[in-house]
Amino acid sequence: GRLAVETGIFPLYEIDHGRYKLSMDFSPLRP
């Protein structure tokens, strides 16, 4: 689960009333 997020396969984000934001930014992404 952590690797899915940290590789960008499953990014964690919110769209609150049309406003998009990443919940966690793992830059650079893991391979």
Full PDB file with SEQRES, HELIX, SHEET, SSBOND, CRYST1, ORIGX, SCALE, CONECT and MASTER records, all heavy atoms in Angstrom:
SEQRES   1 A   31  GLY ARG LEU ALA VAL GLU THR GLY ILE PHE PRO LEU TYR          
SEQRES   2 A   31  GLU ILE ASP HIS GLY ARG TYR LYS LEU SER MET ASP PHE          
SEQRES   3 A   31  SER PRO LEU ARG PRO                                          
HELIX    1 AA1 ARG A    2  GLU A    6  1                                   5    
SHEET    1 AA1 2 TYR A  13  ASP A  16  0                                        
SHEET    2 AA1 2 ARG A  19  LEU A  22 -1                                        
CRYST1    1.000    1.000    1.000  90.00  90.00  90.00 P 1           1          
ORIGX1      1.000000  0.000000  0.000000        0.00000                         
ORIGX2      0.000000  1.000000  0.000000        0.00000                         
ORIGX3      0.000000  0.000000  1.000000        0.00000                         
SCALE1      1.000000  0.000000  0.000000        0.00000                         
SCALE2      0.000000  1.000000  0.000000        0.00000                         
SCALE3      0.000000  0.000000  1.000000        0.00000                         
ATOM      1  N   GLY A   1       0.819  -1.207   0.000  1.00  0.00           N  
ATOM      2  CA  GLY A   1       0.000   0.000   0.000  1.00  0.00           C  
ATOM      3  C   GLY A   1       0.851   1.255   0.000  1.00  0.00           C  
ATOM      4  O   GLY A   1       0.592   2.201  -0.746  1.00  0.00           O  
ATOM      5  N   ARG A   2       1.875   1.257   0.819  1.00  0.00           N  
ATOM      6  CA  ARG A   2       2.779   2.419   0.863  1.00  0.00           C  
ATOM      7  C   ARG A   2       3.506   2.606  -0.468  1.00  0.00           C  
ATOM      8  O   ARG A   2       3.644   3.720  -0.959  1.00  0.00           O  
ATOM      9  CB  ARG A   2       3.777   2.285   2.004  1.00  0.00           C  
ATOM     10  CG  ARG A   2       3.144   2.501   3.362  1.00  0.00           C  
ATOM     11  CD  ARG A   2       4.187   2.496   4.481  1.00  0.00           C  
ATOM     12  NE  ARG A   2       3.558   2.787   5.744  1.00  0.00           N  
ATOM     13  CZ  ARG A   2       3.360   4.018   6.217  1.00  0.00           C  
ATOM     14  NH1 ARG A   2       3.759   5.061   5.536  1.00  0.00           N  
ATOM     15  NH2 ARG A   2       2.766   4.205   7.382  1.00  0.00           N  
ATOM     16  N   LEU A   3       3.970   1.498  -1.044  1.00  0.00           N  
ATOM     17  CA  LEU A   3       4.672   1.588  -2.324  1.00  0.00           C  
ATOM     18  C   LEU A   3       3.750   2.067  -3.444  1.00  0.00           C  
ATOM     19  O   LEU A   3       4.190   2.799  -4.333  1.00  0.00           O  
ATOM     20  CB  LEU A   3       5.306   0.248  -2.686  1.00  0.00           C  
ATOM     21  CG  LEU A   3       6.580  -0.098  -1.922  1.00  0.00           C  
ATOM     22  CD1 LEU A   3       6.986  -1.551  -2.164  1.00  0.00           C  
ATOM     23  CD2 LEU A   3       7.717   0.844  -2.317  1.00  0.00           C  
ATOM     24  N   ALA A   4       2.479   1.666  -3.408  1.00  0.00           N  
ATOM     25  CA  ALA A   4       1.538   2.145  -4.421  1.00  0.00           C  
ATOM     26  C   ALA A   4       1.453   3.669  -4.395  1.00  0.00           C  
ATOM     27  O   ALA A   4       1.416   4.324  -5.440  1.00  0.00           O  
ATOM     28  CB  ALA A   4       0.161   1.525  -4.200  1.00  0.00           C  
ATOM     29  N   VAL A   5       1.470   4.232  -3.204  1.00  0.00           N  
ATOM     30  CA  VAL A   5       1.408   5.687  -3.059  1.00  0.00           C  
ATOM     31  C   VAL A   5       2.755   6.324  -3.401  1.00  0.00           C  
ATOM     32  O   VAL A   5       2.826   7.283  -4.169  1.00  0.00           O  
ATOM     33  CB  VAL A   5       0.973   6.065  -1.623  1.00  0.00           C  
ATOM     34  CG1 VAL A   5       1.073   7.570  -1.398  1.00  0.00           C  
ATOM     35  CG2 VAL A   5      -0.447   5.563  -1.353  1.00  0.00           C  
ATOM     36  N   GLU A   6       3.834   5.788  -2.873  1.00  0.00           N  
ATOM     37  CA  GLU A   6       5.161   6.394  -3.032  1.00  0.00           C  
ATOM     38  C   GLU A   6       5.710   6.273  -4.451  1.00  0.00           C  
ATOM     39  O   GLU A   6       6.614   7.023  -4.833  1.00  0.00           O  
ATOM     40  CB  GLU A   6       6.132   5.773  -2.037  1.00  0.00           C  
ATOM     41  CG  GLU A   6       5.770   6.106  -0.599  1.00  0.00           C  
ATOM     42  CD  GLU A   6       6.543   5.299   0.423  1.00  0.00           C  
ATOM     43  OE1 GLU A   6       7.493   4.570   0.055  1.00  0.00           O  
ATOM     44  OE2 GLU A   6       6.190   5.396   1.620  1.00  0.00           O  
ATOM     45  N   THR A   7       5.170   5.346  -5.247  1.00  0.00           N  
ATOM     46  CA  THR A   7       5.585   5.228  -6.649  1.00  0.00           C  
ATOM     47  C   THR A   7       4.692   6.044  -7.573  1.00  0.00           C  
ATOM     48  O   THR A   7       5.001   6.197  -8.756  1.00  0.00           O  
ATOM     49  CB  THR A   7       5.549   3.754  -7.117  1.00  0.00           C  
ATOM     50  OG1 THR A   7       4.221   3.255  -6.971  1.00  0.00           O  
ATOM     51  CG2 THR A   7       6.542   2.896  -6.358  1.00  0.00           C  
ATOM     52  N   GLY A   8       3.573   6.525  -7.052  1.00  0.00           N  
ATOM     53  CA  GLY A   8       2.629   7.282  -7.868  1.00  0.00           C  
ATOM     54  C   GLY A   8       1.598   6.408  -8.561  1.00  0.00           C  
ATOM     55  O   GLY A   8       0.751   6.913  -9.302  1.00  0.00           O  
ATOM     56  N   ILE A   9       1.638   5.106  -8.334  1.00  0.00           N  
ATOM     57  CA  ILE A   9       0.636   4.208  -8.909  1.00  0.00           C  
ATOM     58  C   ILE A   9      -0.751   4.582  -8.376  1.00  0.00           C  
ATOM     59  O   ILE A   9      -1.741   4.557  -9.103  1.00  0.00           O  
ATOM     60  CB  ILE A   9       0.965   2.731  -8.557  1.00  0.00           C  
ATOM     61  CG1 ILE A   9       2.242   2.272  -9.259  1.00  0.00           C  
ATOM     62  CG2 ILE A   9      -0.206   1.799  -8.862  1.00  0.00           C  
ATOM     63  CD1 ILE A   9       2.129   2.070 -10.744  1.00  0.00           C  
ATOM     64  N   PHE A  10      -0.839   4.942  -7.109  1.00  0.00           N  
ATOM     65  CA  PHE A  10      -2.098   5.334  -6.476  1.00  0.00           C  
ATOM     66  C   PHE A  10      -1.852   6.600  -5.653  1.00  0.00           C  
ATOM     67  O   PHE A  10      -1.608   6.532  -4.448  1.00  0.00           O  
ATOM     68  CB  PHE A  10      -2.636   4.201  -5.583  1.00  0.00           C  
ATOM     69  CG  PHE A  10      -4.038   4.436  -5.108  1.00  0.00           C  
ATOM     70  CD1 PHE A  10      -5.118   4.103  -5.915  1.00  0.00           C  
ATOM     71  CD2 PHE A  10      -4.290   4.986  -3.867  1.00  0.00           C  
ATOM     72  CE1 PHE A  10      -6.422   4.319  -5.478  1.00  0.00           C  
ATOM     73  CE2 PHE A  10      -5.591   5.192  -3.419  1.00  0.00           C  
ATOM     74  CZ  PHE A  10      -6.659   4.859  -4.234  1.00  0.00           C  
ATOM     75  N   PRO A  11      -1.899   7.758  -6.299  1.00  0.00           N  
ATOM     76  CA  PRO A  11      -1.662   9.001  -5.547  1.00  0.00           C  
ATOM     77  C   PRO A  11      -2.810   9.299  -4.577  1.00  0.00           C  
ATOM     78  O   PRO A  11      -3.970   8.993  -4.859  1.00  0.00           O  
ATOM     79  CB  PRO A  11      -1.574  10.066  -6.638  1.00  0.00           C  
ATOM     80  CG  PRO A  11      -2.263   9.480  -7.814  1.00  0.00           C  
ATOM     81  CD  PRO A  11      -2.149   7.989  -7.710  1.00  0.00           C  
ATOM     82  N   LEU A  12      -2.456   9.864  -3.451  1.00  0.00           N  
ATOM     83  CA  LEU A  12      -3.461  10.277  -2.467  1.00  0.00           C  
ATOM     84  C   LEU A  12      -3.790  11.746  -2.695  1.00  0.00           C  
ATOM     85  O   LEU A  12      -2.904  12.603  -2.676  1.00  0.00           O  
ATOM     86  CB  LEU A  12      -2.936  10.061  -1.048  1.00  0.00           C  
ATOM     87  CG  LEU A  12      -2.607   8.627  -0.667  1.00  0.00           C  
ATOM     88  CD1 LEU A  12      -2.106   8.553   0.770  1.00  0.00           C  
ATOM     89  CD2 LEU A  12      -3.806   7.711  -0.859  1.00  0.00           C  
ATOM     90  N   TYR A  13      -5.072  12.015  -2.924  1.00  0.00           N  
ATOM     91  CA  TYR A  13      -5.487  13.390  -3.173  1.00  0.00           C  
ATOM     92  C   TYR A  13      -6.916  13.617  -2.705  1.00  0.00           C  
ATOM     93  O   TYR A  13      -7.632  12.676  -2.364  1.00  0.00           O  
ATOM     94  CB  TYR A  13      -5.351  13.750  -4.656  1.00  0.00           C  
ATOM     95  CG  TYR A  13      -6.218  12.937  -5.592  1.00  0.00           C  
ATOM     96  CD1 TYR A  13      -7.541  13.287  -5.844  1.00  0.00           C  
ATOM     97  CD2 TYR A  13      -5.707  11.824  -6.246  1.00  0.00           C  
ATOM     98  CE1 TYR A  13      -8.325  12.552  -6.704  1.00  0.00           C  
ATOM     99  CE2 TYR A  13      -6.487  11.082  -7.113  1.00  0.00           C  
ATOM    100  CZ  TYR A  13      -7.797  11.456  -7.340  1.00  0.00           C  
ATOM    101  OH  TYR A  13      -8.570  10.707  -8.191  1.00  0.00           O  
ATOM    102  N   GLU A  14      -7.294  14.888  -2.721  1.00  0.00           N  
ATOM    103  CA  GLU A  14      -8.658  15.303  -2.405  1.00  0.00           C  
ATOM    104  C   GLU A  14      -9.123  16.290  -3.472  1.00  0.00           C  
ATOM    105  O   GLU A  14      -8.321  17.072  -3.980  1.00  0.00           O  
ATOM    106  CB  GLU A  14      -8.714  16.038  -1.065  1.00  0.00           C  
ATOM    107  CG  GLU A  14      -8.362  15.206   0.138  1.00  0.00           C  
ATOM    108  CD  GLU A  14      -8.328  16.037   1.398  1.00  0.00           C  
ATOM    109  OE1 GLU A  14      -7.363  16.798   1.573  1.00  0.00           O  
ATOM    110  OE2 GLU A  14      -9.273  15.916   2.187  1.00  0.00           O  
ATOM    111  N   ILE A  15     -10.386  16.215  -3.781  1.00  0.00           N  
ATOM    112  CA  ILE A  15     -11.037  17.243  -4.592  1.00  0.00           C  
ATOM    113  C   ILE A  15     -12.190  17.757  -3.730  1.00  0.00           C  
ATOM    114  O   ILE A  15     -13.194  17.080  -3.544  1.00  0.00           O  
ATOM    115  CB  ILE A  15     -11.543  16.695  -5.937  1.00  0.00           C  
ATOM    116  CG1 ILE A  15     -10.395  16.052  -6.723  1.00  0.00           C  
ATOM    117  CG2 ILE A  15     -12.201  17.817  -6.751  1.00  0.00           C  
ATOM    118  CD1 ILE A  15     -10.843  15.314  -7.984  1.00  0.00           C  
ATOM    119  N   ASP A  16     -11.968  18.922  -3.169  1.00  0.00           N  
ATOM    120  CA  ASP A  16     -12.934  19.513  -2.242  1.00  0.00           C  
ATOM    121  C   ASP A  16     -13.602  20.698  -2.931  1.00  0.00           C  
ATOM    122  O   ASP A  16     -12.949  21.723  -3.170  1.00  0.00           O  
ATOM    123  CB  ASP A  16     -12.210  19.952  -0.966  1.00  0.00           C  
ATOM    124  CG  ASP A  16     -13.155  20.304   0.166  1.00  0.00           C  
ATOM    125  OD1 ASP A  16     -14.361  20.484  -0.085  1.00  0.00           O  
ATOM    126  OD2 ASP A  16     -12.678  20.405   1.311  1.00  0.00           O  
ATOM    127  N   HIS A  17     -14.878  20.513  -3.288  1.00  0.00           N  
ATOM    128  CA  HIS A  17     -15.630  21.544  -4.011  1.00  0.00           C  
ATOM    129  C   HIS A  17     -14.859  22.029  -5.243  1.00  0.00           C  
ATOM    130  O   HIS A  17     -14.708  23.230  -5.469  1.00  0.00           O  
ATOM    131  CB  HIS A  17     -15.999  22.702  -3.083  1.00  0.00           C  
ATOM    132  CG  HIS A  17     -16.978  22.299  -2.038  1.00  0.00           C  
ATOM    133  ND1 HIS A  17     -16.601  21.766  -0.822  1.00  0.00           N  
ATOM    134  CD2 HIS A  17     -18.336  22.301  -2.042  1.00  0.00           C  
ATOM    135  CE1 HIS A  17     -17.686  21.485  -0.115  1.00  0.00           C  
ATOM    136  NE2 HIS A  17     -18.754  21.792  -0.831  1.00  0.00           N  
ATOM    137  N   GLY A  18     -14.330  21.080  -5.996  1.00  0.00           N  
ATOM    138  CA  GLY A  18     -13.647  21.382  -7.250  1.00  0.00           C  
ATOM    139  C   GLY A  18     -12.172  21.720  -7.137  1.00  0.00           C  
ATOM    140  O   GLY A  18     -11.493  21.873  -8.143  1.00  0.00           O  
ATOM    141  N   ARG A  19     -11.656  21.844  -5.921  1.00  0.00           N  
ATOM    142  CA  ARG A  19     -10.236  22.177  -5.735  1.00  0.00           C  
ATOM    143  C   ARG A  19      -9.436  20.904  -5.486  1.00  0.00           C  
ATOM    144  O   ARG A  19      -9.663  20.205  -4.501  1.00  0.00           O  
ATOM    145  CB  ARG A  19     -10.061  23.167  -4.591  1.00  0.00           C  
ATOM    146  CG  ARG A  19     -10.590  24.545  -4.918  1.00  0.00           C  
ATOM    147  CD  ARG A  19     -10.219  25.593  -3.868  1.00  0.00           C  
ATOM    148  NE  ARG A  19     -10.186  25.101  -2.510  1.00  0.00           N  
ATOM    149  CZ  ARG A  19     -11.183  25.169  -1.636  1.00  0.00           C  
ATOM    150  NH1 ARG A  19     -12.321  25.701  -1.991  1.00  0.00           N  
ATOM    151  NH2 ARG A  19     -11.053  24.699  -0.413  1.00  0.00           N  
ATOM    152  N   TYR A  20      -8.495  20.625  -6.373  1.00  0.00           N  
ATOM    153  CA  TYR A  20      -7.653  19.427  -6.298  1.00  0.00           C  
ATOM    154  C   TYR A  20      -6.389  19.723  -5.517  1.00  0.00           C  
ATOM    155  O   TYR A  20      -5.762  20.768  -5.704  1.00  0.00           O  
ATOM    156  CB  TYR A  20      -7.279  18.989  -7.727  1.00  0.00           C  
ATOM    157  CG  TYR A  20      -6.268  17.869  -7.796  1.00  0.00           C  
ATOM    158  CD1 TYR A  20      -6.679  16.543  -7.819  1.00  0.00           C  
ATOM    159  CD2 TYR A  20      -4.902  18.126  -7.856  1.00  0.00           C  
ATOM    160  CE1 TYR A  20      -5.756  15.501  -7.890  1.00  0.00           C  
ATOM    161  CE2 TYR A  20      -3.980  17.095  -7.926  1.00  0.00           C  
ATOM    162  CZ  TYR A  20      -4.418  15.790  -7.950  1.00  0.00           C  
ATOM    163  OH  TYR A  20      -3.505  14.767  -8.022  1.00  0.00           O  
ATOM    164  N   LYS A  21      -6.027  18.791  -4.625  1.00  0.00           N  
ATOM    165  CA  LYS A  21      -4.733  18.914  -3.959  1.00  0.00           C  
ATOM    166  C   LYS A  21      -4.225  17.523  -3.588  1.00  0.00           C  
ATOM    167  O   LYS A  21      -4.996  16.647  -3.183  1.00  0.00           O  
ATOM    168  CB  LYS A  21      -4.790  19.826  -2.741  1.00  0.00           C  
ATOM    169  CG  LYS A  21      -5.396  19.206  -1.519  1.00  0.00           C  
ATOM    170  CD  LYS A  21      -5.199  20.098  -0.304  1.00  0.00           C  
ATOM    171  CE  LYS A  21      -5.635  19.325   0.927  1.00  0.00           C  
ATOM    172  NZ  LYS A  21      -5.297  19.936   2.153  1.00  0.00           N  
ATOM    173  N   LEU A  22      -2.931  17.334  -3.767  1.00  0.00           N  
ATOM    174  CA  LEU A  22      -2.300  16.095  -3.329  1.00  0.00           C  
ATOM    175  C   LEU A  22      -2.259  16.079  -1.813  1.00  0.00           C  
ATOM    176  O   LEU A  22      -1.937  17.088  -1.185  1.00  0.00           O  
ATOM    177  CB  LEU A  22      -0.864  15.997  -3.860  1.00  0.00           C  
ATOM    178  CG  LEU A  22      -0.684  15.545  -5.298  1.00  0.00           C  
ATOM    179  CD1 LEU A  22       0.785  15.662  -5.703  1.00  0.00           C  
ATOM    180  CD2 LEU A  22      -1.167  14.130  -5.499  1.00  0.00           C  
ATOM    181  N   SER A  23      -2.576  14.949  -1.227  1.00  0.00           N  
ATOM    182  CA  SER A  23      -2.503  14.811   0.225  1.00  0.00           C  
ATOM    183  C   SER A  23      -1.085  14.544   0.674  1.00  0.00           C  
ATOM    184  O   SER A  23      -0.670  14.959   1.750  1.00  0.00           O  
ATOM    185  CB  SER A  23      -3.391  13.659   0.700  1.00  0.00           C  
ATOM    186  OG  SER A  23      -4.693  13.812   0.235  1.00  0.00           O  
ATOM    187  N   MET A  24      -0.356  13.822  -0.161  1.00  0.00           N  
ATOM    188  CA  MET A  24       1.038  13.491   0.124  1.00  0.00           C  
ATOM    189  C   MET A  24       1.803  13.581  -1.188  1.00  0.00           C  
ATOM    190  O   MET A  24       1.384  13.012  -2.187  1.00  0.00           O  
ATOM    191  CB  MET A  24       1.169  12.084   0.698  1.00  0.00           C  
ATOM    192  CG  MET A  24       0.531  11.933   2.031  1.00  0.00           C  
ATOM    193  SD  MET A  24       0.855  10.291   2.682  1.00  0.00           S  
ATOM    194  CE  MET A  24       0.031  10.447   4.242  1.00  0.00           C  
ATOM    195  N   ASP A  25       2.893  14.296  -1.155  1.00  0.00           N  
ATOM    196  CA  ASP A  25       3.704  14.465  -2.353  1.00  0.00           C  
ATOM    197  C   ASP A  25       5.038  13.754  -2.134  1.00  0.00           C  
ATOM    198  O   ASP A  25       5.811  14.138  -1.263  1.00  0.00           O  
ATOM    199  CB  ASP A  25       3.930  15.949  -2.623  1.00  0.00           C  
ATOM    200  CG  ASP A  25       4.687  16.202  -3.915  1.00  0.00           C  
ATOM    201  OD1 ASP A  25       4.868  15.258  -4.698  1.00  0.00           O  
ATOM    202  OD2 ASP A  25       5.090  17.355  -4.127  1.00  0.00           O  
ATOM    203  N   PHE A  26       5.249  12.716  -2.895  1.00  0.00           N  
ATOM    204  CA  PHE A  26       6.499  11.970  -2.802  1.00  0.00           C  
ATOM    205  C   PHE A  26       7.346  12.283  -4.027  1.00  0.00           C  
ATOM    206  O   PHE A  26       7.345  11.550  -5.010  1.00  0.00           O  
ATOM    207  CB  PHE A  26       6.230  10.462  -2.698  1.00  0.00           C  
ATOM    208  CG  PHE A  26       5.611  10.070  -1.395  1.00  0.00           C  
ATOM    209  CD1 PHE A  26       4.253   9.875  -1.281  1.00  0.00           C  
ATOM    210  CD2 PHE A  26       6.398   9.921  -0.267  1.00  0.00           C  
ATOM    211  CE1 PHE A  26       3.678   9.516  -0.073  1.00  0.00           C  
ATOM    212  CE2 PHE A  26       5.847   9.563   0.948  1.00  0.00           C  
ATOM    213  CZ  PHE A  26       4.479   9.363   1.044  1.00  0.00           C  
ATOM    214  N   SER A  27       8.002  13.409  -3.976  1.00  0.00           N  
ATOM    215  CA  SER A  27       8.894  13.791  -5.066  1.00  0.00           C  
ATOM    216  C   SER A  27      10.325  13.686  -4.565  1.00  0.00           C  
ATOM    217  O   SER A  27      10.630  14.211  -3.499  1.00  0.00           O  
ATOM    218  CB  SER A  27       8.619  15.222  -5.514  1.00  0.00           C  
ATOM    219  OG  SER A  27       7.345  15.304  -6.073  1.00  0.00           O  
ATOM    220  N   PRO A  28      11.174  13.009  -5.279  1.00  0.00           N  
ATOM    221  CA  PRO A  28      10.876  12.243  -6.484  1.00  0.00           C  
ATOM    222  C   PRO A  28      10.169  10.939  -6.137  1.00  0.00           C  
ATOM    223  O   PRO A  28      10.316  10.412  -5.032  1.00  0.00           O  
ATOM    224  CB  PRO A  28      12.241  11.976  -7.091  1.00  0.00           C  
ATOM    225  CG  PRO A  28      13.176  11.971  -5.923  1.00  0.00           C  
ATOM    226  CD  PRO A  28      12.591  12.941  -4.926  1.00  0.00           C  
ATOM    227  N   LEU A  29       9.413  10.446  -7.109  1.00  0.00           N  
ATOM    228  CA  LEU A  29       8.708   9.180  -6.928  1.00  0.00           C  
ATOM    229  C   LEU A  29       9.687   8.014  -6.891  1.00  0.00           C  
ATOM    230  O   LEU A  29      10.719   8.041  -7.566  1.00  0.00           O  
ATOM    231  CB  LEU A  29       7.726   8.952  -8.077  1.00  0.00           C  
ATOM    232  CG  LEU A  29       6.570   9.935  -8.192  1.00  0.00           C  
ATOM    233  CD1 LEU A  29       5.786   9.681  -9.481  1.00  0.00           C  
ATOM    234  CD2 LEU A  29       5.666   9.852  -6.987  1.00  0.00           C  
ATOM    235  N   ARG A  30       9.333   6.992  -6.132  1.00  0.00           N  
ATOM    236  CA  ARG A  30      10.126   5.766  -6.139  1.00  0.00           C  
ATOM    237  C   ARG A  30       9.832   5.018  -7.442  1.00  0.00           C  
ATOM    238  O   ARG A  30       8.743   5.151  -8.002  1.00  0.00           O  
ATOM    239  CB  ARG A  30       9.777   4.905  -4.938  1.00  0.00           C  
ATOM    240  CG  ARG A  30      10.214   5.566  -3.624  1.00  0.00           C  
ATOM    241  CD  ARG A  30       9.745   4.828  -2.429  1.00  0.00           C  
ATOM    242  NE  ARG A  30      10.518   3.598  -2.243  1.00  0.00           N  
ATOM    243  CZ  ARG A  30      10.489   2.872  -1.139  1.00  0.00           C  
ATOM    244  NH1 ARG A  30       9.736   3.235  -0.121  1.00  0.00           N  
ATOM    245  NH2 ARG A  30      11.207   1.785  -1.046  1.00  0.00           N  
ATOM    246  N   PRO A  31      10.776   4.229  -7.937  1.00  0.00           N  
ATOM    247  CA  PRO A  31      10.535   3.478  -9.181  1.00  0.00           C  
ATOM    248  C   PRO A  31       9.404   2.463  -8.994  1.00  0.00           C  
ATOM    249  O   PRO A  31       9.321   1.803  -7.950  1.00  0.00           O  
ATOM    250  CB  PRO A  31      11.860   2.748  -9.431  1.00  0.00           C  
ATOM    251  CG  PRO A  31      12.860   3.364  -8.524  1.00  0.00           C  
ATOM    252  CD  PRO A  31      12.121   4.036  -7.410  1.00  0.00           C  
TER     253      PRO A  31                                                      
MASTER        0    0    0    1    2    0    0    6  252    1    0    3          
END                                                                             
